[in-house]
Amino acid sequence: MPRIQCSYCGLPFTVRKVEPGRAVFCCSGCALASRLPAPGAGGEFPITPALVVALGTGFAFFNEAFFWGLAQALARDHHAVQALLLTRVSAGLGVLVWGLLAGGMWRSAVRHWTDALVAGATLTIIAGALVLELSAGCMLTANIILGLWLARGWGKQKFARNKSGTV
């Protein structure tokens, strides 16, 4: 198997088959990060569907964490009804965020068994939180894990020795 450089982060990796003219990525994180546009000369980002989905996912994740934290604060102040409502909103957003992250991973050009393992593990945490009525914090933790897994492409690019110049 030939060793080539990732089209995004520049790190070397092995592939089974090289297709000329097609970008190759070492992981789904690099494949997803490559789809986000680089800022233009004036610092403006061109609006693309991938950027809109990424921003929407970030907004939903922020609100998932916000409503969970607010529910925890209300529960400590003995406002159980309001805390339960906000926990359910956080849980609903947690399912949405996981679906968006997993969908982005599925649409990436790279699929490894490790991606399936992380997605399956986080789905198990989310399903357990729904079925066993665990905390919405479990869903938040699962989404943090999956989000960090997908952000590894950006991290590789940011901290790689051989910069590819795509960002």
C-alpha atoms as a PDB file:
ATOM      1  CA  MET A   1       0.000   0.000   0.000  1.00  0.00           C
ATOM      2  CA  PRO A   2       1.435   3.388  -0.979  1.00  0.00           C
ATOM      3  CA  ARG A   3       2.056   6.144   1.587  1.00  0.00           C
ATOM      4  CA  ILE A   4       0.669   9.532   0.612  1.00  0.00           C
ATOM      5  CA  GLN A   5       0.008  12.844   2.345  1.00  0.00           C
ATOM      6  CA  CYS A   6      -3.422  13.888   3.550  1.00  0.00           C
ATOM      7  CA  SER A   7      -4.881  16.609   1.340  1.00  0.00           C
ATOM      8  CA  TYR A   8      -5.902  18.577   4.423  1.00  0.00           C
ATOM      9  CA  CYS A   9      -3.412  18.137   7.267  1.00  0.00           C
ATOM     10  CA  GLY A  10      -0.404  16.962   5.262  1.00  0.00           C
ATOM     11  CA  LEU A  11       0.338  13.989   7.504  1.00  0.00           C
ATOM     12  CA  PRO A  12       1.446  10.783   5.760  1.00  0.00           C
ATOM     13  CA  PHE A  13      -0.760   7.688   5.788  1.00  0.00           C
ATOM     14  CA  THR A  14      -1.256   4.521   3.757  1.00  0.00           C
ATOM     15  CA  VAL A  15      -4.064   3.877   1.308  1.00  0.00           C
ATOM     16  CA  ARG A  16      -5.147   0.837  -0.639  1.00  0.00           C
ATOM     17  CA  LYS A  17      -5.856   2.607  -3.888  1.00  0.00           C
ATOM     18  CA  VAL A  18      -4.908   6.066  -5.151  1.00  0.00           C
ATOM     19  CA  GLU A  19      -7.236   7.764  -7.613  1.00  0.00           C
ATOM     20  CA  PRO A  20      -5.509  10.512  -9.632  1.00  0.00           C
ATOM     21  CA  GLY A  21      -7.023  13.983  -9.266  1.00  0.00           C
ATOM     22  CA  ARG A  22      -9.059  13.074  -6.193  1.00  0.00           C
ATOM     23  CA  ALA A  23      -8.316  14.512  -2.765  1.00  0.00           C
ATOM     24  CA  VAL A  24      -7.422  11.928  -0.130  1.00  0.00           C
ATOM     25  CA  PHE A  25      -7.853  12.345   3.609  1.00  0.00           C
ATOM     26  CA  CYS A  26      -6.386  10.456   6.546  1.00  0.00           C
ATOM     27  CA  CYS A  27      -9.581  10.629   8.626  1.00  0.00           C
ATOM     28  CA  SER A  28     -13.198  11.775   8.540  1.00  0.00           C
ATOM     29  CA  GLY A  29     -12.202  14.809  10.624  1.00  0.00           C
ATOM     30  CA  CYS A  30      -9.879  16.041   7.854  1.00  0.00           C
ATOM     31  CA  ALA A  31     -12.517  15.298   5.212  1.00  0.00           C
ATOM     32  CA  LEU A  32     -15.120  17.344   7.095  1.00  0.00           C
ATOM     33  CA  ALA A  33     -12.729  20.196   7.867  1.00  0.00           C
ATOM     34  CA  SER A  34     -11.710  20.437   4.208  1.00  0.00           C
ATOM     35  CA  ARG A  35     -15.325  21.124   3.215  1.00  0.00           C
ATOM     36  CA  LEU A  36     -15.479  24.280   5.331  1.00  0.00           C
ATOM     37  CA  PRO A  37     -14.441  27.352   3.358  1.00  0.00           C
ATOM     38  CA  ALA A  38     -11.353  29.396   4.112  1.00  0.00           C
ATOM     39  CA  PRO A  39     -11.850  33.118   4.762  1.00  0.00           C
ATOM     40  CA  GLY A  40     -11.482  35.453   1.797  1.00  0.00           C
ATOM     41  CA  ALA A  41      -9.079  38.370   1.480  1.00  0.00           C
ATOM     42  CA  GLY A  42     -11.268  40.653   3.611  1.00  0.00           C
ATOM     43  CA  GLY A  43     -11.832  37.998   6.260  1.00  0.00           C
ATOM     44  CA  GLU A  44     -15.343  37.175   5.027  1.00  0.00           C
ATOM     45  CA  PHE A  45     -16.404  33.554   4.770  1.00  0.00           C
ATOM     46  CA  PRO A  46     -18.262  32.467   1.637  1.00  0.00           C
ATOM     47  CA  ILE A  47     -21.597  30.953   2.599  1.00  0.00           C
ATOM     48  CA  THR A  48     -21.744  27.263   1.730  1.00  0.00           C
ATOM     49  CA  PRO A  49     -24.154  24.527   2.808  1.00  0.00           C
ATOM     50  CA  ALA A  50     -21.388  22.865   4.859  1.00  0.00           C
ATOM     51  CA  LEU A  51     -20.738  26.116   6.733  1.00  0.00           C
ATOM     52  CA  VAL A  52     -24.455  26.649   7.431  1.00  0.00           C
ATOM     53  CA  VAL A  53     -24.794  23.086   8.777  1.00  0.00           C
ATOM     54  CA  ALA A  54     -21.649  23.503  10.905  1.00  0.00           C
ATOM     55  CA  LEU A  55     -22.933  26.780  12.372  1.00  0.00           C
ATOM     56  CA  GLY A  56     -26.395  25.296  12.982  1.00  0.00           C
ATOM     57  CA  THR A  57     -24.865  22.282  14.716  1.00  0.00           C
ATOM     58  CA  GLY A  58     -22.736  24.541  16.898  1.00  0.00           C
ATOM     59  CA  PHE A  59     -25.784  26.643  17.786  1.00  0.00           C
ATOM     60  CA  ALA A  60     -27.820  23.544  18.686  1.00  0.00           C
ATOM     61  CA  PHE A  61     -24.932  22.159  20.758  1.00  0.00           C
ATOM     62  CA  PHE A  62     -24.536  25.454  22.625  1.00  0.00           C
ATOM     63  CA  ASN A  63     -28.243  25.455  23.469  1.00  0.00           C
ATOM     64  CA  GLU A  64     -28.119  21.797  24.509  1.00  0.00           C
ATOM     65  CA  ALA A  65     -25.380  22.645  27.016  1.00  0.00           C
ATOM     66  CA  PHE A  66     -27.113  25.876  28.091  1.00  0.00           C
ATOM     67  CA  PHE A  67     -30.486  24.232  28.789  1.00  0.00           C
ATOM     68  CA  TRP A  68     -28.820  21.347  30.626  1.00  0.00           C
ATOM     69  CA  GLY A  69     -26.892  23.758  32.862  1.00  0.00           C
ATOM     70  CA  LEU A  70     -29.999  25.830  33.473  1.00  0.00           C
ATOM     71  CA  ALA A  71     -31.959  22.679  34.353  1.00  0.00           C
ATOM     72  CA  GLN A  72     -29.271  21.724  36.866  1.00  0.00           C
ATOM     73  CA  ALA A  73     -29.466  25.152  38.482  1.00  0.00           C
ATOM     74  CA  LEU A  74     -33.277  24.983  38.690  1.00  0.00           C
ATOM     75  CA  ALA A  75     -33.154  21.492  40.172  1.00  0.00           C
ATOM     76  CA  ARG A  76     -30.804  22.729  42.916  1.00  0.00           C
ATOM     77  CA  ASP A  77     -33.311  25.506  43.700  1.00  0.00           C
ATOM     78  CA  HIS A  78     -36.132  22.940  44.009  1.00  0.00           C
ATOM     79  CA  HIS A  79     -37.967  23.891  40.793  1.00  0.00           C
ATOM     80  CA  ALA A  80     -38.455  20.324  39.593  1.00  0.00           C
ATOM     81  CA  VAL A  81     -41.135  20.996  36.965  1.00  0.00           C
ATOM     82  CA  GLN A  82     -39.143  23.674  35.157  1.00  0.00           C
ATOM     83  CA  ALA A  83     -35.944  21.638  35.485  1.00  0.00           C
ATOM     84  CA  LEU A  84     -37.624  18.607  33.913  1.00  0.00           C
ATOM     85  CA  LEU A  85     -38.887  20.703  31.003  1.00  0.00           C
ATOM     86  CA  LEU A  86     -35.449  22.167  30.309  1.00  0.00           C
ATOM     87  CA  THR A  87     -33.855  18.721  30.653  1.00  0.00           C
ATOM     88  CA  ARG A  88     -36.231  17.401  27.989  1.00  0.00           C
ATOM     89  CA  VAL A  89     -35.404  20.323  25.688  1.00  0.00           C
ATOM     90  CA  SER A  90     -31.703  19.638  26.225  1.00  0.00           C
ATOM     91  CA  ALA A  91     -32.233  15.932  25.502  1.00  0.00           C
ATOM     92  CA  GLY A  92     -34.124  16.709  22.291  1.00  0.00           C
ATOM     93  CA  LEU A  93     -31.343  19.005  21.168  1.00  0.00           C
ATOM     94  CA  GLY A  94     -28.854  16.286  22.119  1.00  0.00           C
ATOM     95  CA  VAL A  95     -30.497  13.831  19.736  1.00  0.00           C
ATOM     96  CA  LEU A  96     -30.526  16.493  17.007  1.00  0.00           C
ATOM     97  CA  VAL A  97     -26.853  17.361  17.526  1.00  0.00           C
ATOM     98  CA  TRP A  98     -25.811  13.709  17.473  1.00  0.00           C
ATOM     99  CA  GLY A  99     -27.767  13.198  14.260  1.00  0.00           C
ATOM    100  CA  LEU A 100     -26.124  16.191  12.608  1.00  0.00           C
ATOM    101  CA  LEU A 101     -22.640  15.124  13.706  1.00  0.00           C
ATOM    102  CA  ALA A 102     -23.155  11.514  12.638  1.00  0.00           C
ATOM    103  CA  GLY A 103     -24.684  12.663   9.346  1.00  0.00           C
ATOM    104  CA  GLY A 104     -21.651  14.831   8.684  1.00  0.00           C
ATOM    105  CA  MET A 105     -19.386  11.920   9.467  1.00  0.00           C
ATOM    106  CA  TRP A 106     -21.391   9.673   7.143  1.00  0.00           C
ATOM    107  CA  ARG A 107     -21.230  12.210   4.303  1.00  0.00           C
ATOM    108  CA  SER A 108     -17.471  12.607   4.592  1.00  0.00           C
ATOM    109  CA  ALA A 109     -15.329  10.981   1.954  1.00  0.00           C
ATOM    110  CA  VAL A 110     -13.548   8.818   4.529  1.00  0.00           C
ATOM    111  CA  ARG A 111     -15.032   6.022   6.587  1.00  0.00           C
ATOM    112  CA  HIS A 112     -12.917   4.049   9.029  1.00  0.00           C
ATOM    113  CA  TRP A 113     -13.933   1.409  11.527  1.00  0.00           C
ATOM    114  CA  THR A 114     -12.851   3.805  14.273  1.00  0.00           C
ATOM    115  CA  ASP A 115     -15.472   6.308  13.093  1.00  0.00           C
ATOM    116  CA  ALA A 116     -18.146   3.627  13.318  1.00  0.00           C
ATOM    117  CA  LEU A 117     -16.873   2.610  16.751  1.00  0.00           C
ATOM    118  CA  VAL A 118     -17.011   6.168  18.131  1.00  0.00           C
ATOM    119  CA  ALA A 119     -20.414   6.838  16.533  1.00  0.00           C
ATOM    120  CA  GLY A 120     -21.773   3.561  17.908  1.00  0.00           C
ATOM    121  CA  ALA A 121     -20.405   4.202  21.389  1.00  0.00           C
ATOM    122  CA  THR A 122     -21.881   7.692  21.527  1.00  0.00           C
ATOM    123  CA  LEU A 123     -25.193   6.411  20.134  1.00  0.00           C
ATOM    124  CA  THR A 124     -25.222   3.793  22.889  1.00  0.00           C
ATOM    125  CA  ILE A 125     -24.752   6.531  25.483  1.00  0.00           C
ATOM    126  CA  ILE A 126     -27.575   8.581  23.948  1.00  0.00           C
ATOM    127  CA  ALA A 127     -29.912   5.587  23.684  1.00  0.00           C
ATOM    128  CA  GLY A 128     -29.107   4.639  27.278  1.00  0.00           C
ATOM    129  CA  ALA A 129     -29.869   8.172  28.403  1.00  0.00           C
ATOM    130  CA  LEU A 130     -33.241   8.046  26.632  1.00  0.00           C
ATOM    131  CA  VAL A 131     -34.303   4.527  27.605  1.00  0.00           C
ATOM    132  CA  LEU A 132     -32.915   4.409  31.130  1.00  0.00           C
ATOM    133  CA  GLU A 133     -33.899   8.020  31.832  1.00  0.00           C
ATOM    134  CA  LEU A 134     -30.353   9.036  32.641  1.00  0.00           C
ATOM    135  CA  SER A 135     -29.295  12.649  32.752  1.00  0.00           C
ATOM    136  CA  ALA A 136     -29.274  14.823  29.661  1.00  0.00           C
ATOM    137  CA  GLY A 137     -25.693  15.398  30.757  1.00  0.00           C
ATOM    138  CA  CYS A 138     -24.928  11.919  29.377  1.00  0.00           C
ATOM    139  CA  MET A 139     -26.140  13.109  25.977  1.00  0.00           C
ATOM    140  CA  LEU A 140     -24.080  16.249  26.303  1.00  0.00           C
ATOM    141  CA  THR A 141     -21.016  14.147  27.126  1.00  0.00           C
ATOM    142  CA  ALA A 142     -21.650  11.875  24.134  1.00  0.00           C
ATOM    143  CA  ASN A 143     -21.920  14.877  21.823  1.00  0.00           C
ATOM    144  CA  ILE A 144     -18.731  16.374  23.246  1.00  0.00           C
ATOM    145  CA  ILE A 145     -16.918  13.104  22.556  1.00  0.00           C
ATOM    146  CA  LEU A 146     -18.251  12.871  18.995  1.00  0.00           C
ATOM    147  CA  GLY A 147     -17.566  16.560  18.350  1.00  0.00           C
ATOM    148  CA  LEU A 148     -13.985  16.242  19.552  1.00  0.00           C
ATOM    149  CA  TRP A 149     -13.573  13.132  17.406  1.00  0.00           C
ATOM    150  CA  LEU A 150     -14.655  15.098  14.343  1.00  0.00           C
ATOM    151  CA  ALA A 151     -12.561  18.133  15.286  1.00  0.00           C
ATOM    152  CA  ARG A 152      -9.384  16.083  15.188  1.00  0.00           C
ATOM    153  CA  GLY A 153      -8.952  17.014  11.516  1.00  0.00           C
ATOM    154  CA  TRP A 154      -8.766  20.688  12.445  1.00  0.00           C
ATOM    155  CA  GLY A 155      -6.369  19.845  15.278  1.00  0.00           C
ATOM    156  CA  LYS A 156      -4.109  17.842  12.987  1.00  0.00           C
ATOM    157  CA  GLN A 157      -3.972  20.757  10.557  1.00  0.00           C
ATOM    158  CA  LYS A 158      -3.357  23.264  13.316  1.00  0.00           C
ATOM    159  CA  PHE A 159      -0.539  21.342  14.984  1.00  0.00           C
ATOM    160  CA  ALA A 160       0.986  19.428  12.040  1.00  0.00           C
ATOM    161  CA  ARG A 161       4.657  19.929  11.275  1.00  0.00           C
ATOM    162  CA  ASN A 162       4.076  19.921   7.507  1.00  0.00           C
ATOM    163  CA  LYS A 163       1.405  22.563   6.890  1.00  0.00           C
ATOM    164  CA  SER A 164      -0.623  21.830   3.774  1.00  0.00           C
ATOM    165  CA  GLY A 165      -1.778  25.440   3.368  1.00  0.00           C
ATOM    166  CA  THR A 166      -5.459  24.624   2.932  1.00  0.00           C
ATOM    167  CA  VAL A 167      -6.527  26.712   5.891  1.00  0.00           C
END
